[in-house]
Amino acid sequence: MDVRAELPQNDRITRKSLPSDSPVLDLDGFEKARKGIRESTFSVSFFFLDPEARNDLATFYLFCRVVDDIVDETPDKSLAEERLLLWREFFSGETLSEAFPHPLGHDLRDLVHRRRIPLSLFRDILDGMETDLRPVRIPDIEALRRYCYLAAGAVGRACIPIFGGEIEELGEYADSLGEAFQLTNILRDLKSDARRNRIYLPADRMQAYGVSDRDVLEGRLHPGFLRLLEEIWMRADDDYRRAVALLSDRKKWKIMKAARVMEVFYREIHRKIRLSGFDVYRHRIRLSPLLKGWLLLRFWTASFPEGTSKLSSSREDHHG
């Protein structure tokens, strides 16, 4: 099933110009997001790109941070909706308006024009952000797959032209890796998501294992709950393996180097979640600077395709 097929389509919206100090622009949030890029694990992948691609990825990632922070950091949900609507207007047509009042608008127009990134991908990303504005409940596995695409697969697809690849050739890879990343995030962030009344575990599988909303919100890790988390973990593991298999030649392997750096980090987080017994309510899952450095060293010395197996087996030997 193509998860993109069921995504909502948005009609073009028009808006009168905003004053430069309008709270809808959230300029303070924009500055905060710019500073936050340097502290993100994601920024490590920038160093595996040429300068132009590095700047383009920074622009795209800044957009993602801005809209993500709108959802998570705006206490007034009606204001958050207005702020997201502003971005919807920007991406609602076939071209990007030069009158867009946000300071990121110029760089995004330039990025989209040069890299030919489909505007539909930005709309998909915004759909995912809107999902998180309200208490989240996911009815079934297919709905979870759609959410993973909106939250991560669409982001990965938009990155492909920045890395120098073609979406038609590497889109499926971005979908698989994006789902793996998002499922890892869901398992890692059960506690913080519960504070925001967000449950991303599919309700049909929760019911099958006897897991209630209250169990998730309060961190009651009974045997059924643990079996459900193991099932989601295994689904992510399959996605990681599928993504690697989709990089079937040296050219693709090289193009997606920055994504593969992120995969190394995420797979280690994924491994640590299981080693914790899935008790992310009482154990913070993170990568120390020393471990990140070791993982980067292993990545740097790996080669295609033998290095992939060597990297995997070495990691397993190192951690037991």
Protein backbone atom coordinates (compact mmCIF):
# COMPACT_ATOMS: atom_id res chain seq x y z
CA MET A 1 0.00 0.00 0.00
CA ASP A 2 1.30 3.46 -0.89
CA VAL A 3 0.81 5.53 2.26
CA ARG A 4 0.86 8.73 0.19
CA ALA A 5 -2.35 7.83 -1.66
CA GLU A 6 -4.65 8.64 1.25
CA LEU A 7 -3.17 11.97 2.27
CA PRO A 8 -5.52 14.97 2.22
CA GLN A 9 -5.18 17.52 -0.53
CA ASN A 10 -5.32 21.21 0.34
CA ASP A 11 -6.83 23.99 -1.74
CA ARG A 12 -4.91 27.20 -2.19
CA ILE A 13 -5.54 29.72 0.57
CA THR A 14 -5.05 33.47 0.41
CA ARG A 15 -4.27 35.87 3.24
CA LYS A 16 -3.74 39.57 3.60
CA SER A 17 -0.22 40.66 4.55
CA LEU A 18 0.77 40.52 8.22
CA PRO A 19 2.55 43.25 10.20
CA SER A 20 6.21 42.46 10.81
CA ASP A 21 5.64 42.11 14.57
CA SER A 22 2.62 39.80 14.29
CA PRO A 23 2.67 36.91 16.82
CA VAL A 24 1.58 34.64 13.98
CA LEU A 25 5.09 34.96 12.49
CA ASP A 26 6.63 33.67 15.75
CA LEU A 27 9.98 35.37 15.12
CA ASP A 28 11.24 34.49 18.60
CA GLY A 29 10.56 30.84 17.85
CA PHE A 30 12.42 31.21 14.56
CA GLU A 31 15.53 32.51 16.31
CA LYS A 32 15.31 29.75 18.91
CA ALA A 33 15.06 27.12 16.16
CA ARG A 34 18.13 28.55 14.40
CA LYS A 35 20.18 28.22 17.58
CA GLY A 36 18.81 24.72 18.21
CA ILE A 37 20.16 23.34 14.94
CA ARG A 38 23.70 23.37 16.27
CA GLU A 39 22.67 21.23 19.26
CA SER A 40 20.81 18.60 17.25
CA THR A 41 22.12 15.11 16.49
CA PHE A 42 20.77 15.68 12.99
CA SER A 43 23.38 18.40 12.40
CA VAL A 44 26.19 15.80 12.41
CA SER A 45 25.05 14.63 8.99
CA PHE A 46 25.73 18.13 7.60
CA PHE A 47 29.48 17.48 7.62
CA PHE A 48 29.12 14.66 5.10
CA LEU A 49 27.80 17.06 2.44
CA ASP A 50 29.39 19.63 0.17
CA PRO A 51 28.97 23.28 1.27
CA GLU A 52 25.98 24.02 -0.98
CA ALA A 53 24.10 20.90 0.08
CA ARG A 54 25.01 21.64 3.70
CA ASN A 55 23.43 25.09 3.48
CA ASP A 56 20.37 23.71 1.72
CA LEU A 57 19.89 20.98 4.33
CA ALA A 58 20.22 23.59 7.08
CA THR A 59 17.46 25.66 5.45
CA PHE A 60 15.15 22.67 5.12
CA TYR A 61 15.89 21.44 8.63
CA LEU A 62 15.23 24.92 10.00
CA PHE A 63 11.78 24.85 8.40
CA CYS A 64 11.12 21.47 10.03
CA ARG A 65 12.26 22.77 13.42
CA VAL A 66 10.14 25.91 13.12
CA VAL A 67 6.89 24.08 12.38
CA ASP A 68 7.64 21.33 14.91
CA ASP A 69 8.24 23.92 17.62
CA ILE A 70 5.00 25.66 16.68
CA VAL A 71 3.14 22.49 17.65
CA ASP A 72 5.15 21.61 20.76
CA GLU A 73 6.06 25.03 22.15
CA THR A 74 2.95 27.17 21.53
CA PRO A 75 0.69 26.91 24.61
CA ASP A 76 -2.23 28.61 22.84
CA LYS A 77 -3.42 25.97 20.36
CA SER A 78 -5.54 28.45 18.41
CA LEU A 79 -2.41 30.55 17.86
CA ALA A 80 -0.49 27.41 16.88
CA GLU A 81 -3.19 26.67 14.30
CA GLU A 82 -2.82 30.19 12.89
CA ARG A 83 0.92 29.79 12.65
CA LEU A 84 0.62 26.50 10.80
CA LEU A 85 -2.03 28.01 8.54
CA LEU A 86 0.45 30.70 7.53
CA TRP A 87 2.83 27.98 6.32
CA ARG A 88 -0.02 26.13 4.61
CA GLU A 89 -0.78 29.27 2.62
CA PHE A 90 2.85 29.50 1.54
CA PHE A 91 2.91 25.94 0.17
CA SER A 92 -0.69 25.73 -1.04
CA GLY A 93 -0.19 26.50 -4.74
CA GLU A 94 2.07 25.54 -7.62
CA THR A 95 4.65 28.23 -6.82
CA LEU A 96 5.85 30.02 -3.69
CA SER A 97 4.73 33.60 -3.15
CA GLU A 98 7.40 36.28 -2.97
CA ALA A 99 5.15 38.21 -0.59
CA PHE A 100 5.42 35.62 2.19
CA PRO A 101 6.27 37.63 5.33
CA HIS A 102 8.38 35.08 7.23
CA PRO A 103 12.19 35.64 7.09
CA LEU A 104 12.72 31.99 6.06
CA GLY A 105 10.58 32.45 2.95
CA HIS A 106 13.34 33.70 0.63
CA ASP A 107 15.71 30.82 1.43
CA LEU A 108 12.93 28.26 1.00
CA ARG A 109 11.92 29.70 -2.38
CA ASP A 110 15.53 29.49 -3.52
CA LEU A 111 15.89 25.95 -2.19
CA VAL A 112 12.70 24.65 -3.82
CA HIS A 113 13.56 26.29 -7.15
CA ARG A 114 17.13 24.98 -7.37
CA ARG A 115 16.52 21.51 -5.99
CA ARG A 116 13.06 21.09 -7.53
CA ILE A 117 11.54 19.73 -4.34
CA PRO A 118 7.80 19.01 -4.81
CA LEU A 119 5.67 21.40 -2.77
CA SER A 120 3.35 18.49 -1.98
CA LEU A 121 6.04 17.15 0.37
CA PHE A 122 5.90 20.32 2.46
CA ARG A 123 2.12 19.99 2.61
CA ASP A 124 2.51 16.40 3.78
CA ILE A 125 4.89 17.50 6.53
CA LEU A 126 2.39 20.12 7.68
CA ASP A 127 -0.36 17.49 7.73
CA GLY A 128 1.77 15.50 10.16
CA MET A 129 2.35 18.55 12.32
CA GLU A 130 -1.37 19.27 12.47
CA THR A 131 -1.99 15.76 13.76
CA ASP A 132 0.06 16.61 16.85
CA LEU A 133 -1.92 19.75 17.69
CA ARG A 134 -4.60 17.63 19.36
CA PRO A 135 -4.54 14.59 21.66
CA VAL A 136 -3.24 11.79 19.43
CA ARG A 137 -4.77 8.34 19.05
CA ILE A 138 -3.80 6.02 16.18
CA PRO A 139 -6.52 3.50 15.26
CA ASP A 140 -4.50 0.81 13.47
CA ILE A 141 -1.23 -0.16 11.79
CA GLU A 142 -2.15 1.45 8.46
CA ALA A 143 -2.90 4.75 10.19
CA LEU A 144 0.45 4.43 11.97
CA ARG A 145 2.17 3.91 8.62
CA ARG A 146 0.50 7.03 7.22
CA TYR A 147 1.57 9.03 10.24
CA CYS A 148 5.17 7.78 9.94
CA TYR A 149 5.17 8.90 6.31
CA LEU A 150 3.84 12.36 7.22
CA ALA A 151 6.23 12.81 10.13
CA ALA A 152 9.39 11.31 8.63
CA GLY A 153 9.01 9.73 5.18
CA ALA A 154 8.04 13.02 3.55
CA VAL A 155 11.00 14.69 5.25
CA GLY A 156 13.32 12.02 3.86
CA ARG A 157 11.89 12.39 0.37
CA ALA A 158 12.44 16.16 0.46
CA CYS A 159 16.07 15.58 1.45
CA ILE A 160 16.83 13.36 -1.55
CA PRO A 161 17.25 16.22 -4.08
CA ILE A 162 19.39 18.09 -1.55
CA PHE A 163 21.69 15.07 -1.35
CA GLY A 164 21.86 14.96 -5.14
CA GLY A 165 19.52 12.03 -5.80
CA GLU A 166 16.22 11.43 -7.57
CA ILE A 167 13.03 10.92 -5.58
CA GLU A 168 11.79 8.38 -8.13
CA GLU A 169 14.82 6.19 -7.44
CA LEU A 170 15.23 6.69 -3.70
CA GLY A 171 11.73 7.52 -2.46
CA GLU A 172 11.04 3.99 -1.24
CA TYR A 173 14.30 4.06 0.71
CA ALA A 174 13.26 7.34 2.36
CA ASP A 175 9.86 5.86 3.26
CA SER A 176 11.36 2.75 4.89
CA LEU A 177 14.06 4.63 6.76
CA GLY A 178 11.59 7.34 7.77
CA GLU A 179 9.21 4.76 9.22
CA ALA A 180 12.09 3.14 11.10
CA PHE A 181 13.17 6.50 12.53
CA GLN A 182 9.64 7.46 13.55
CA LEU A 183 8.88 4.12 15.21
CA THR A 184 12.14 4.48 17.13
CA ASN A 185 11.05 7.97 18.19
CA ILE A 186 7.66 6.64 19.28
CA LEU A 187 9.23 3.95 21.47
CA ARG A 188 11.82 6.32 22.93
CA ASP A 189 9.36 9.15 23.62
CA LEU A 190 6.48 7.25 25.23
CA LYS A 191 6.87 9.22 28.45
CA SER A 192 7.17 12.71 26.96
CA ASP A 193 4.36 12.02 24.48
CA ALA A 194 2.15 10.82 27.34
CA ARG A 195 2.61 14.21 29.04
CA ARG A 196 1.09 15.78 25.92
CA ASN A 197 -1.73 13.19 25.76
CA ARG A 198 -0.29 11.61 22.63
CA ILE A 199 -0.43 7.86 22.07
CA TYR A 200 1.10 6.71 18.79
CA LEU A 201 0.74 2.98 19.46
CA PRO A 202 -2.04 1.55 17.24
CA ALA A 203 -5.26 1.06 19.19
CA ASP A 204 -6.09 -2.27 17.53
CA ARG A 205 -2.76 -3.77 18.64
CA MET A 206 -3.16 -2.23 22.10
CA GLN A 207 -6.50 -3.98 22.42
CA ALA A 208 -5.00 -7.27 21.24
CA TYR A 209 -2.40 -7.14 24.02
CA GLY A 210 -4.74 -5.80 26.71
CA VAL A 211 -3.10 -2.37 26.83
CA SER A 212 -5.26 0.58 27.88
CA ASP A 213 -4.71 4.28 27.28
CA ARG A 214 -4.12 4.62 31.01
CA ASP A 215 -1.33 2.01 30.86
CA VAL A 216 0.47 4.10 28.24
CA LEU A 217 -0.15 7.45 29.88
CA GLU A 218 0.97 6.23 33.31
CA GLY A 219 3.77 3.88 32.20
CA ARG A 220 2.29 0.61 33.45
CA LEU A 221 4.59 -1.86 31.72
CA HIS A 222 2.71 -5.12 32.23
CA PRO A 223 3.59 -8.23 30.14
CA GLY A 224 1.06 -7.46 27.40
CA PHE A 225 2.37 -3.91 27.07
CA LEU A 226 5.94 -5.21 26.75
CA ARG A 227 4.90 -7.66 24.04
CA LEU A 228 3.27 -4.80 22.11
CA LEU A 229 6.44 -2.69 22.37
CA GLU A 230 8.49 -5.66 21.17
CA GLU A 231 6.19 -5.96 18.14
CA ILE A 232 6.64 -2.29 17.25
CA TRP A 233 10.40 -2.61 17.83
CA MET A 234 10.57 -5.56 15.44
CA ARG A 235 8.60 -3.62 12.84
CA ALA A 236 11.18 -0.83 13.03
CA ASP A 237 13.99 -3.39 12.81
CA ASP A 238 12.49 -4.77 9.60
CA ASP A 239 12.29 -1.23 8.22
CA TYR A 240 15.99 -0.60 8.95
CA ARG A 241 16.93 -3.82 7.14
CA ARG A 242 14.66 -3.02 4.20
CA ALA A 243 16.17 0.45 3.87
CA VAL A 244 19.71 -0.95 3.69
CA ALA A 245 18.64 -3.47 1.04
CA LEU A 246 17.18 -0.66 -1.07
CA LEU A 247 20.59 1.02 -1.40
CA SER A 248 21.50 -1.56 -3.97
CA ASP A 249 24.48 0.08 -5.65
CA ARG A 250 27.48 2.25 -4.83
CA LYS A 251 25.96 5.38 -6.39
CA LYS A 252 22.87 5.29 -4.15
CA TRP A 253 25.03 4.35 -1.18
CA LYS A 254 27.19 7.43 -1.70
CA ILE A 255 24.31 9.83 -2.40
CA MET A 256 22.53 8.93 0.84
CA LYS A 257 25.65 9.20 3.02
CA ALA A 258 24.10 11.87 5.26
CA ALA A 259 20.97 9.75 5.81
CA ARG A 260 23.15 6.74 6.61
CA VAL A 261 24.92 8.74 9.33
CA MET A 262 21.54 9.35 10.96
CA GLU A 263 20.70 5.67 10.54
CA VAL A 264 23.82 4.70 12.53
CA PHE A 265 22.71 6.90 15.44
CA TYR A 266 19.06 5.87 15.29
CA ARG A 267 19.86 2.17 15.15
CA GLU A 268 21.93 2.55 18.31
CA ILE A 269 19.01 4.31 20.04
CA HIS A 270 16.79 1.52 18.73
CA ARG A 271 19.14 -1.08 20.25
CA LYS A 272 19.31 0.73 23.59
CA ILE A 273 15.52 0.87 23.86
CA ARG A 274 15.32 -2.90 23.78
CA LEU A 275 18.25 -3.30 26.20
CA SER A 276 16.39 -1.07 28.67
CA GLY A 277 13.53 -3.57 28.67
CA PHE A 278 11.46 -0.86 26.96
CA ASP A 279 11.31 1.00 30.29
CA VAL A 280 11.71 4.44 28.76
CA TYR A 281 9.49 5.83 31.53
CA ARG A 282 12.33 5.38 34.04
CA HIS A 283 15.41 5.32 31.79
CA ARG A 284 16.43 8.13 29.48
CA ILE A 285 17.64 6.73 26.17
CA ARG A 286 20.45 8.85 24.81
CA LEU A 287 23.83 8.60 23.09
CA SER A 288 26.86 9.95 24.91
CA PRO A 289 29.37 12.10 22.99
CA LEU A 290 31.91 9.29 23.32
CA LEU A 291 29.53 6.73 21.82
CA LYS A 292 28.60 9.11 19.01
CA GLY A 293 32.27 9.54 18.22
CA TRP A 294 32.83 5.78 18.15
CA LEU A 295 29.81 5.28 15.88
CA LEU A 296 31.04 7.98 13.51
CA LEU A 297 34.49 6.37 13.40
CA ARG A 298 32.93 3.02 12.52
CA PHE A 299 30.81 4.67 9.87
CA TRP A 300 33.79 6.50 8.37
CA THR A 301 35.82 3.29 8.03
CA ALA A 302 32.97 1.20 6.59
CA SER A 303 32.77 0.62 2.84
CA PHE A 304 30.18 -0.66 0.36
CA PRO A 305 29.01 -3.38 0.62
CA GLU A 306 31.34 -5.33 2.91
CA GLY A 307 31.60 -2.47 5.39
CA THR A 308 27.89 -2.69 6.15
CA SER A 309 28.15 -6.23 7.43
CA LYS A 310 31.37 -5.40 9.24
CA LEU A 311 29.77 -2.40 10.93
CA SER A 312 26.75 -4.43 12.06
CA SER A 313 28.71 -7.39 13.39
CA SER A 314 31.26 -5.14 15.09
CA ARG A 315 28.51 -3.25 16.90
CA GLU A 316 26.96 -6.48 18.11
CA ASP A 317 30.35 -7.81 19.29
CA HIS A 318 31.16 -4.54 21.06
CA HIS A 319 27.92 -4.36 23.02
CA GLY A 320 27.24 -8.04 23.43
